[in-house]
N, C-alpha and C. Protein backbone atom coordinates (compact mmCIF):
# COMPACT_ATOMS: atom_id res chain seq x y z
N MET A 1 -18.76 115.64 -84.56
CA MET A 1 -18.18 115.41 -83.25
C MET A 1 -17.56 116.72 -82.79
N LYS A 2 -17.83 117.07 -81.55
CA LYS A 2 -17.33 118.32 -81.01
C LYS A 2 -16.67 118.07 -79.66
N ARG A 3 -15.55 118.73 -79.44
CA ARG A 3 -14.86 118.62 -78.15
C ARG A 3 -15.62 119.42 -77.12
N ASN A 4 -15.78 118.85 -75.94
CA ASN A 4 -16.49 119.52 -74.86
C ASN A 4 -15.45 120.04 -73.86
N THR A 5 -15.36 121.35 -73.73
CA THR A 5 -14.37 121.96 -72.84
C THR A 5 -14.99 122.49 -71.56
N PHE A 6 -16.32 122.34 -71.39
CA PHE A 6 -16.98 122.90 -70.23
C PHE A 6 -17.06 121.94 -69.06
N ASP A 7 -17.11 120.65 -69.32
CA ASP A 7 -17.29 119.66 -68.28
C ASP A 7 -15.99 118.86 -68.16
N ASP A 8 -15.53 118.61 -66.93
CA ASP A 8 -14.28 117.90 -66.72
C ASP A 8 -14.37 116.42 -67.11
N SER A 9 -15.54 115.80 -66.93
CA SER A 9 -15.64 114.37 -67.21
C SER A 9 -15.98 114.08 -68.66
N CYS A 10 -16.72 114.93 -69.32
CA CYS A 10 -17.15 114.72 -70.70
C CYS A 10 -16.11 115.30 -71.66
N CYS A 11 -15.62 114.48 -72.57
CA CYS A 11 -14.59 114.94 -73.51
C CYS A 11 -15.15 115.34 -74.86
N PHE A 12 -16.01 114.49 -75.43
CA PHE A 12 -16.53 114.72 -76.77
C PHE A 12 -18.02 114.42 -76.82
N THR A 13 -18.72 115.15 -77.68
CA THR A 13 -20.12 114.89 -77.96
C THR A 13 -20.25 114.64 -79.45
N VAL A 14 -20.94 113.56 -79.80
CA VAL A 14 -21.14 113.19 -81.20
C VAL A 14 -22.61 113.42 -81.54
N PHE A 15 -22.84 114.17 -82.60
CA PHE A 15 -24.19 114.50 -83.03
C PHE A 15 -24.51 113.74 -84.32
N ASP A 16 -25.80 113.48 -84.56
CA ASP A 16 -26.21 112.88 -85.83
C ASP A 16 -26.50 113.98 -86.85
N GLU A 17 -27.04 113.61 -88.01
CA GLU A 17 -27.28 114.58 -89.08
C GLU A 17 -28.27 115.68 -88.67
N SER A 18 -29.21 115.35 -87.78
CA SER A 18 -30.21 116.33 -87.35
C SER A 18 -29.79 117.10 -86.10
N GLU A 19 -28.49 117.03 -85.77
CA GLU A 19 -27.89 117.74 -84.65
C GLU A 19 -28.42 117.29 -83.29
N GLU A 20 -28.87 116.05 -83.20
CA GLU A 20 -29.27 115.45 -81.92
C GLU A 20 -28.06 114.71 -81.36
N VAL A 21 -27.90 114.72 -80.02
CA VAL A 21 -26.79 114.02 -79.38
C VAL A 21 -26.96 112.52 -79.58
N LYS A 22 -25.92 111.88 -80.14
CA LYS A 22 -25.97 110.43 -80.37
C LYS A 22 -25.07 109.68 -79.42
N TYR A 23 -23.85 110.21 -79.18
CA TYR A 23 -22.89 109.58 -78.28
C TYR A 23 -22.18 110.65 -77.47
N VAL A 24 -21.73 110.25 -76.28
CA VAL A 24 -20.92 111.12 -75.42
C VAL A 24 -19.74 110.31 -74.93
N ALA A 25 -18.54 110.82 -75.13
CA ALA A 25 -17.32 110.17 -74.64
C ALA A 25 -16.86 110.91 -73.39
N SER A 26 -16.64 110.15 -72.32
CA SER A 26 -16.24 110.78 -71.06
C SER A 26 -15.22 109.91 -70.33
N HIS A 27 -14.51 110.55 -69.40
CA HIS A 27 -13.52 109.85 -68.59
C HIS A 27 -14.21 108.89 -67.63
N VAL A 28 -13.53 107.78 -67.34
CA VAL A 28 -14.00 106.85 -66.32
C VAL A 28 -13.84 107.54 -64.98
N SER A 29 -14.74 107.28 -64.05
CA SER A 29 -14.83 108.05 -62.81
C SER A 29 -13.63 107.92 -61.88
N SER A 30 -12.88 106.86 -61.92
CA SER A 30 -11.76 106.70 -61.00
C SER A 30 -10.67 107.72 -61.33
N MET A 31 -10.28 108.51 -60.36
CA MET A 31 -9.28 109.56 -60.57
C MET A 31 -7.92 108.98 -60.93
N ARG A 32 -7.61 107.80 -60.42
CA ARG A 32 -6.30 107.21 -60.65
C ARG A 32 -6.10 106.80 -62.11
N ILE A 33 -7.17 106.34 -62.76
CA ILE A 33 -7.04 105.85 -64.12
C ILE A 33 -7.78 106.71 -65.14
N ALA A 34 -8.31 107.85 -64.73
CA ALA A 34 -9.12 108.68 -65.63
C ALA A 34 -8.33 109.16 -66.83
N ARG A 35 -7.03 109.35 -66.68
CA ARG A 35 -6.22 109.82 -67.81
C ARG A 35 -6.13 108.80 -68.92
N HIS A 36 -6.33 107.52 -68.59
CA HIS A 36 -6.08 106.47 -69.56
C HIS A 36 -7.32 105.71 -70.00
N ARG A 37 -8.50 106.02 -69.45
CA ARG A 37 -9.71 105.28 -69.82
C ARG A 37 -10.87 106.21 -70.10
N LEU A 38 -11.58 105.89 -71.17
CA LEU A 38 -12.77 106.63 -71.54
C LEU A 38 -13.89 105.65 -71.83
N ALA A 39 -15.10 106.13 -71.69
CA ALA A 39 -16.28 105.34 -72.04
C ALA A 39 -17.12 106.13 -73.02
N VAL A 40 -17.67 105.44 -74.00
CA VAL A 40 -18.57 106.06 -74.97
C VAL A 40 -19.98 105.57 -74.65
N ALA A 41 -20.86 106.51 -74.36
CA ALA A 41 -22.25 106.18 -74.01
C ALA A 41 -23.18 106.68 -75.10
N ASP A 42 -24.29 105.95 -75.29
CA ASP A 42 -25.28 106.39 -76.27
C ASP A 42 -26.17 107.46 -75.65
N SER A 43 -27.17 107.91 -76.38
CA SER A 43 -28.02 109.01 -75.91
C SER A 43 -28.84 108.61 -74.68
N ALA A 44 -29.02 107.30 -74.44
CA ALA A 44 -29.74 106.83 -73.25
C ALA A 44 -28.83 106.72 -72.03
N GLY A 45 -27.53 106.94 -72.22
CA GLY A 45 -26.58 106.89 -71.11
C GLY A 45 -25.95 105.53 -70.90
N GLU A 46 -26.21 104.56 -71.77
CA GLU A 46 -25.64 103.22 -71.63
C GLU A 46 -24.27 103.18 -72.32
N VAL A 47 -23.28 102.62 -71.63
CA VAL A 47 -21.93 102.52 -72.18
C VAL A 47 -21.94 101.48 -73.31
N VAL A 48 -21.53 101.91 -74.50
CA VAL A 48 -21.54 101.04 -75.68
C VAL A 48 -20.13 100.73 -76.18
N ALA A 49 -19.12 101.47 -75.72
CA ALA A 49 -17.74 101.23 -76.12
C ALA A 49 -16.81 101.72 -75.02
N LYS A 50 -15.65 101.08 -74.93
CA LYS A 50 -14.63 101.48 -73.95
C LYS A 50 -13.32 101.72 -74.68
N ILE A 51 -12.61 102.74 -74.23
CA ILE A 51 -11.33 103.10 -74.82
C ILE A 51 -10.30 103.14 -73.70
N ARG A 52 -9.17 102.47 -73.95
CA ARG A 52 -8.09 102.50 -72.96
C ARG A 52 -6.81 102.90 -73.67
N ARG A 53 -6.14 103.90 -73.14
CA ARG A 53 -4.86 104.35 -73.70
C ARG A 53 -3.74 103.62 -72.98
N LEU A 54 -2.86 103.01 -73.77
CA LEU A 54 -1.71 102.33 -73.18
C LEU A 54 -0.53 103.29 -73.17
N PRO A 55 0.04 103.53 -72.00
CA PRO A 55 1.15 104.50 -71.91
C PRO A 55 2.47 103.90 -72.37
N LEU A 56 2.63 103.73 -73.69
CA LEU A 56 3.87 103.22 -74.26
C LEU A 56 4.67 104.38 -74.83
N VAL A 57 5.92 104.48 -74.48
CA VAL A 57 6.77 105.59 -74.89
C VAL A 57 6.98 105.56 -76.40
N GLY A 58 6.81 106.73 -77.03
CA GLY A 58 7.05 106.87 -78.45
C GLY A 58 5.89 106.50 -79.35
N THR A 59 4.76 106.08 -78.77
CA THR A 59 3.60 105.73 -79.58
C THR A 59 2.33 106.30 -78.95
N ASP A 60 1.30 106.36 -79.74
CA ASP A 60 -0.05 106.58 -79.23
C ASP A 60 -0.78 105.27 -79.47
N THR A 61 -1.06 104.54 -78.39
CA THR A 61 -1.67 103.21 -78.49
C THR A 61 -2.97 103.20 -77.73
N TYR A 62 -4.04 102.77 -78.40
CA TYR A 62 -5.37 102.71 -77.81
C TYR A 62 -5.98 101.33 -78.04
N VAL A 63 -6.66 100.82 -77.04
CA VAL A 63 -7.41 99.57 -77.16
C VAL A 63 -8.89 99.96 -77.17
N LEU A 64 -9.60 99.54 -78.22
CA LEU A 64 -11.02 99.85 -78.39
C LEU A 64 -11.82 98.58 -78.17
N LYS A 65 -12.81 98.64 -77.28
CA LYS A 65 -13.69 97.49 -77.03
C LYS A 65 -15.13 97.92 -77.28
N PHE A 66 -15.82 97.18 -78.15
CA PHE A 66 -17.20 97.49 -78.50
C PHE A 66 -17.83 96.25 -79.11
N GLN A 67 -19.07 96.01 -78.84
CA GLN A 67 -19.84 94.90 -79.41
C GLN A 67 -19.07 93.58 -79.43
N ARG A 68 -18.45 93.24 -78.33
CA ARG A 68 -17.67 92.00 -78.20
C ARG A 68 -16.49 91.94 -79.16
N ARG A 69 -16.06 93.10 -79.65
CA ARG A 69 -14.88 93.18 -80.51
C ARG A 69 -13.78 93.92 -79.78
N HIS A 70 -12.57 93.68 -80.22
CA HIS A 70 -11.40 94.25 -79.59
C HIS A 70 -10.41 94.62 -80.69
N VAL A 71 -10.09 95.91 -80.82
CA VAL A 71 -9.15 96.38 -81.83
C VAL A 71 -8.12 97.27 -81.14
N THR A 72 -6.86 97.08 -81.50
CA THR A 72 -5.79 97.93 -80.98
C THR A 72 -5.35 98.86 -82.10
N PHE A 73 -5.26 100.15 -81.78
CA PHE A 73 -4.88 101.17 -82.75
C PHE A 73 -3.57 101.79 -82.28
N VAL A 74 -2.55 101.77 -83.16
CA VAL A 74 -1.22 102.28 -82.82
C VAL A 74 -0.79 103.31 -83.85
N THR A 75 -0.29 104.45 -83.38
CA THR A 75 0.27 105.48 -84.26
C THR A 75 1.70 105.75 -83.83
N LEU A 76 2.60 105.70 -84.81
CA LEU A 76 4.02 105.96 -84.57
C LEU A 76 4.43 107.22 -85.32
N PRO A 77 5.00 108.19 -84.62
CA PRO A 77 5.50 109.38 -85.34
C PRO A 77 6.78 109.02 -86.09
N THR A 78 6.90 109.51 -87.32
CA THR A 78 8.10 109.30 -88.13
C THR A 78 8.53 110.65 -88.69
N PRO A 79 9.73 110.74 -89.22
CA PRO A 79 10.16 112.02 -89.81
C PRO A 79 9.29 112.45 -90.99
N ASN A 80 8.61 111.52 -91.64
CA ASN A 80 7.78 111.83 -92.80
C ASN A 80 6.30 111.87 -92.46
N GLY A 81 5.92 112.13 -91.23
CA GLY A 81 4.52 112.13 -90.81
C GLY A 81 4.29 111.09 -89.74
N SER A 82 3.25 110.31 -89.89
CA SER A 82 2.97 109.27 -88.91
C SER A 82 2.53 107.99 -89.62
N ARG A 83 2.72 106.89 -88.94
CA ARG A 83 2.28 105.58 -89.45
C ARG A 83 1.26 105.05 -88.46
N SER A 84 0.13 104.56 -88.96
CA SER A 84 -0.94 104.05 -88.11
C SER A 84 -1.27 102.62 -88.50
N PHE A 85 -1.52 101.79 -87.48
CA PHE A 85 -1.81 100.38 -87.69
C PHE A 85 -2.99 99.96 -86.84
N PHE A 86 -3.72 98.97 -87.32
CA PHE A 86 -4.78 98.33 -86.56
C PHE A 86 -4.39 96.89 -86.33
N TYR A 87 -4.56 96.42 -85.11
CA TYR A 87 -4.40 95.01 -84.79
C TYR A 87 -5.78 94.49 -84.41
N GLY A 88 -6.25 93.47 -85.12
CA GLY A 88 -7.59 92.97 -84.90
C GLY A 88 -8.54 93.38 -86.01
N SER A 89 -7.99 93.99 -87.07
CA SER A 89 -8.80 94.44 -88.19
C SER A 89 -7.92 94.52 -89.44
N ASN A 90 -8.50 94.38 -90.62
CA ASN A 90 -7.76 94.47 -91.88
C ASN A 90 -7.79 95.86 -92.47
N TRP A 91 -8.22 96.84 -91.73
CA TRP A 91 -8.38 98.18 -92.26
C TRP A 91 -7.06 98.93 -92.22
N ARG A 92 -6.98 99.99 -93.05
CA ARG A 92 -5.78 100.82 -93.03
C ARG A 92 -6.17 102.29 -93.16
N VAL A 93 -5.26 103.15 -92.74
CA VAL A 93 -5.49 104.59 -92.74
C VAL A 93 -4.85 105.19 -93.98
N THR A 94 -5.60 106.07 -94.66
CA THR A 94 -5.05 106.86 -95.77
C THR A 94 -5.17 108.33 -95.40
N GLY A 95 -4.24 109.13 -95.85
CA GLY A 95 -4.24 110.54 -95.46
C GLY A 95 -3.35 110.74 -94.25
N GLU A 96 -3.33 111.95 -93.74
CA GLU A 96 -2.48 112.28 -92.58
C GLU A 96 -3.33 112.34 -91.32
N ILE A 97 -3.10 111.40 -90.45
CA ILE A 97 -3.93 111.28 -89.25
C ILE A 97 -3.66 112.40 -88.25
N LEU A 98 -2.45 112.93 -88.21
CA LEU A 98 -2.15 113.99 -87.24
C LEU A 98 -2.82 115.31 -87.60
N SER A 99 -3.13 115.53 -88.87
CA SER A 99 -3.87 116.73 -89.26
C SER A 99 -5.37 116.52 -89.10
N LYS A 100 -5.75 115.29 -88.75
CA LYS A 100 -7.15 114.90 -88.51
C LYS A 100 -8.00 114.97 -89.78
N ASN A 101 -7.35 114.82 -90.92
CA ASN A 101 -8.03 114.71 -92.21
C ASN A 101 -7.56 113.41 -92.85
N PHE A 102 -8.33 112.35 -92.67
CA PHE A 102 -7.92 111.03 -93.11
C PHE A 102 -9.15 110.18 -93.41
N SER A 103 -8.89 109.01 -93.97
CA SER A 103 -9.93 108.03 -94.22
C SER A 103 -9.44 106.67 -93.76
N ILE A 104 -10.37 105.80 -93.41
CA ILE A 104 -10.06 104.41 -93.10
C ILE A 104 -10.75 103.58 -94.18
N ILE A 105 -9.97 102.70 -94.81
CA ILE A 105 -10.53 101.87 -95.86
C ILE A 105 -10.26 100.40 -95.56
N ASP A 106 -11.09 99.53 -96.14
CA ASP A 106 -10.94 98.10 -96.01
C ASP A 106 -9.95 97.62 -97.07
N VAL A 107 -9.58 96.33 -97.03
CA VAL A 107 -8.63 95.80 -98.00
C VAL A 107 -9.19 95.85 -99.43
N ASP A 108 -10.52 95.82 -99.57
CA ASP A 108 -11.13 95.92 -100.90
C ASP A 108 -11.42 97.37 -101.29
N LYS A 109 -10.81 98.32 -100.56
CA LYS A 109 -10.91 99.77 -100.79
C LYS A 109 -12.31 100.33 -100.53
N THR A 110 -13.10 99.63 -99.72
CA THR A 110 -14.39 100.13 -99.29
C THR A 110 -14.17 101.16 -98.18
N LEU A 111 -14.85 102.29 -98.25
CA LEU A 111 -14.71 103.34 -97.25
C LEU A 111 -15.37 102.92 -95.94
N ILE A 112 -14.62 103.00 -94.86
CA ILE A 112 -15.13 102.70 -93.52
C ILE A 112 -15.45 104.01 -92.80
N LEU A 113 -14.52 104.98 -92.88
CA LEU A 113 -14.67 106.27 -92.20
C LEU A 113 -13.94 107.35 -92.99
N ALA A 114 -14.58 108.49 -93.14
CA ALA A 114 -13.93 109.70 -93.64
C ALA A 114 -14.01 110.72 -92.51
N HIS A 115 -12.88 111.19 -92.04
CA HIS A 115 -12.79 112.10 -90.90
C HIS A 115 -12.21 113.42 -91.40
N ARG A 116 -12.95 114.50 -91.24
CA ARG A 116 -12.51 115.82 -91.70
C ARG A 116 -12.55 116.81 -90.55
N LYS A 117 -11.47 117.53 -90.37
CA LYS A 117 -11.36 118.53 -89.31
C LYS A 117 -11.85 119.87 -89.83
N HIS A 118 -12.73 120.50 -89.06
CA HIS A 118 -13.20 121.85 -89.34
C HIS A 118 -12.74 122.74 -88.19
N ALA A 119 -13.09 123.99 -88.20
CA ALA A 119 -12.60 124.95 -87.20
C ALA A 119 -12.90 124.52 -85.77
N ASP A 120 -14.14 124.18 -85.45
CA ASP A 120 -14.47 123.85 -84.06
C ASP A 120 -15.16 122.50 -83.92
N TYR A 121 -15.15 121.67 -84.95
CA TYR A 121 -15.74 120.34 -84.87
C TYR A 121 -15.09 119.43 -85.92
N CYS A 122 -15.37 118.15 -85.83
CA CYS A 122 -14.92 117.17 -86.82
C CYS A 122 -16.13 116.52 -87.45
N GLU A 123 -16.07 116.35 -88.75
CA GLU A 123 -17.15 115.72 -89.49
C GLU A 123 -16.78 114.26 -89.75
N LEU A 124 -17.68 113.35 -89.39
CA LEU A 124 -17.47 111.93 -89.59
C LEU A 124 -18.46 111.43 -90.63
N LEU A 125 -17.95 110.80 -91.67
CA LEU A 125 -18.80 110.16 -92.67
C LEU A 125 -18.63 108.66 -92.51
N ILE A 126 -19.70 108.00 -92.07
CA ILE A 126 -19.67 106.56 -91.80
C ILE A 126 -20.72 105.90 -92.70
N PRO A 127 -20.30 105.31 -93.84
CA PRO A 127 -21.28 104.76 -94.78
C PRO A 127 -22.03 103.53 -94.26
N ASP A 128 -21.40 102.70 -93.43
CA ASP A 128 -22.02 101.47 -92.96
C ASP A 128 -22.31 101.57 -91.46
N GLU A 129 -23.56 101.44 -91.08
CA GLU A 129 -23.97 101.58 -89.69
C GLU A 129 -23.33 100.55 -88.77
N ARG A 130 -22.94 99.39 -89.31
CA ARG A 130 -22.32 98.34 -88.49
C ARG A 130 -20.97 98.79 -87.93
N ASN A 131 -20.31 99.73 -88.58
CA ASN A 131 -18.99 100.20 -88.15
C ASN A 131 -19.07 101.49 -87.33
N GLU A 132 -20.26 101.91 -86.98
CA GLU A 132 -20.44 103.21 -86.34
C GLU A 132 -19.70 103.33 -85.01
N LEU A 133 -19.83 102.35 -84.13
CA LEU A 133 -19.17 102.43 -82.82
C LEU A 133 -17.66 102.45 -82.96
N PHE A 134 -17.13 101.63 -83.86
CA PHE A 134 -15.69 101.65 -84.07
C PHE A 134 -15.24 103.02 -84.55
N CYS A 135 -15.97 103.58 -85.51
CA CYS A 135 -15.58 104.87 -86.09
C CYS A 135 -15.65 106.00 -85.05
N VAL A 136 -16.65 105.97 -84.20
CA VAL A 136 -16.76 106.99 -83.15
C VAL A 136 -15.61 106.84 -82.16
N ALA A 137 -15.34 105.62 -81.71
CA ALA A 137 -14.24 105.39 -80.75
C ALA A 137 -12.90 105.76 -81.37
N MET A 138 -12.70 105.40 -82.61
CA MET A 138 -11.47 105.73 -83.32
C MET A 138 -11.29 107.24 -83.44
N SER A 139 -12.36 107.95 -83.75
CA SER A 139 -12.30 109.40 -83.88
C SER A 139 -11.99 110.07 -82.54
N VAL A 140 -12.51 109.53 -81.47
CA VAL A 140 -12.17 110.05 -80.13
C VAL A 140 -10.68 109.90 -79.89
N CYS A 141 -10.12 108.74 -80.21
CA CYS A 141 -8.69 108.52 -80.02
C CYS A 141 -7.85 109.51 -80.81
N VAL A 142 -8.19 109.69 -82.06
CA VAL A 142 -7.43 110.60 -82.93
C VAL A 142 -7.49 112.03 -82.40
N ASN A 143 -8.64 112.44 -81.89
CA ASN A 143 -8.77 113.80 -81.39
C ASN A 143 -8.15 114.00 -80.02
N LEU A 144 -7.67 112.93 -79.40
CA LEU A 144 -6.92 113.04 -78.15
C LEU A 144 -5.43 113.25 -78.38
N PHE A 145 -4.97 113.07 -79.64
CA PHE A 145 -3.56 113.28 -79.96
C PHE A 145 -3.19 114.72 -79.66
N ASN A 146 -2.01 114.91 -79.10
CA ASN A 146 -1.49 116.26 -78.87
C ASN A 146 -0.85 116.75 -80.15
N THR A 147 -1.52 117.69 -80.81
CA THR A 147 -0.98 118.28 -82.03
C THR A 147 -1.04 119.79 -81.92
N ILE A 148 -0.25 120.44 -82.73
CA ILE A 148 -0.24 121.90 -82.79
C ILE A 148 -1.18 122.29 -83.92
N GLU A 149 -2.22 123.04 -83.58
CA GLU A 149 -3.21 123.41 -84.59
C GLU A 149 -2.69 124.44 -85.58
N SER A 150 -1.87 125.40 -85.11
CA SER A 150 -1.32 126.39 -86.03
C SER A 150 0.17 126.53 -85.76
N PRO A 151 1.00 125.81 -86.52
CA PRO A 151 2.45 125.87 -86.30
C PRO A 151 3.02 127.25 -86.58
N ALA A 152 4.07 127.60 -85.86
CA ALA A 152 4.72 128.91 -86.05
C ALA A 152 6.21 128.76 -85.79
N LEU A 153 6.99 129.63 -86.40
CA LEU A 153 8.43 129.63 -86.17
C LEU A 153 8.76 130.51 -84.97
N GLN A 154 9.74 130.10 -84.22
CA GLN A 154 10.15 130.87 -83.06
C GLN A 154 11.63 131.19 -83.18
N ALA A 155 12.00 132.44 -83.00
CA ALA A 155 13.40 132.85 -83.05
C ALA A 155 14.11 132.39 -81.79
N VAL A 156 15.30 131.86 -81.99
CA VAL A 156 16.07 131.35 -80.84
C VAL A 156 17.27 132.23 -80.61
């Protein structure tokens, strides 16, 4: 998955193993709600998932809709990192989500998604094809978080 900085409407492009475009995440066309809604389209241009950001103070909250499923993803910043929860799923996050190096596992410890941040792209490992749309939508949400890529100290 790679962030697209050239086009205002397209945010992310997801490639498969052979470097072919598989999904494109872009803003919804309405200017009034473009900041809070995204659509994920397949390579044919058909919308396969919708993402809506809920503007709740102190959290990053996203509603993911795909294949007649509905999952809410919430991340709360804490002094010891961040806490992430899913509503509508039994999955949980392991690792540090703000550094964009994390995994999502099921209650039986089956891997759902392994997300690794590289210099200019993110690598997604999705073992089960049935979870692919969720994993792509989830990865888009995580990469929308405002984080500092290289922290530095500033003299005051």
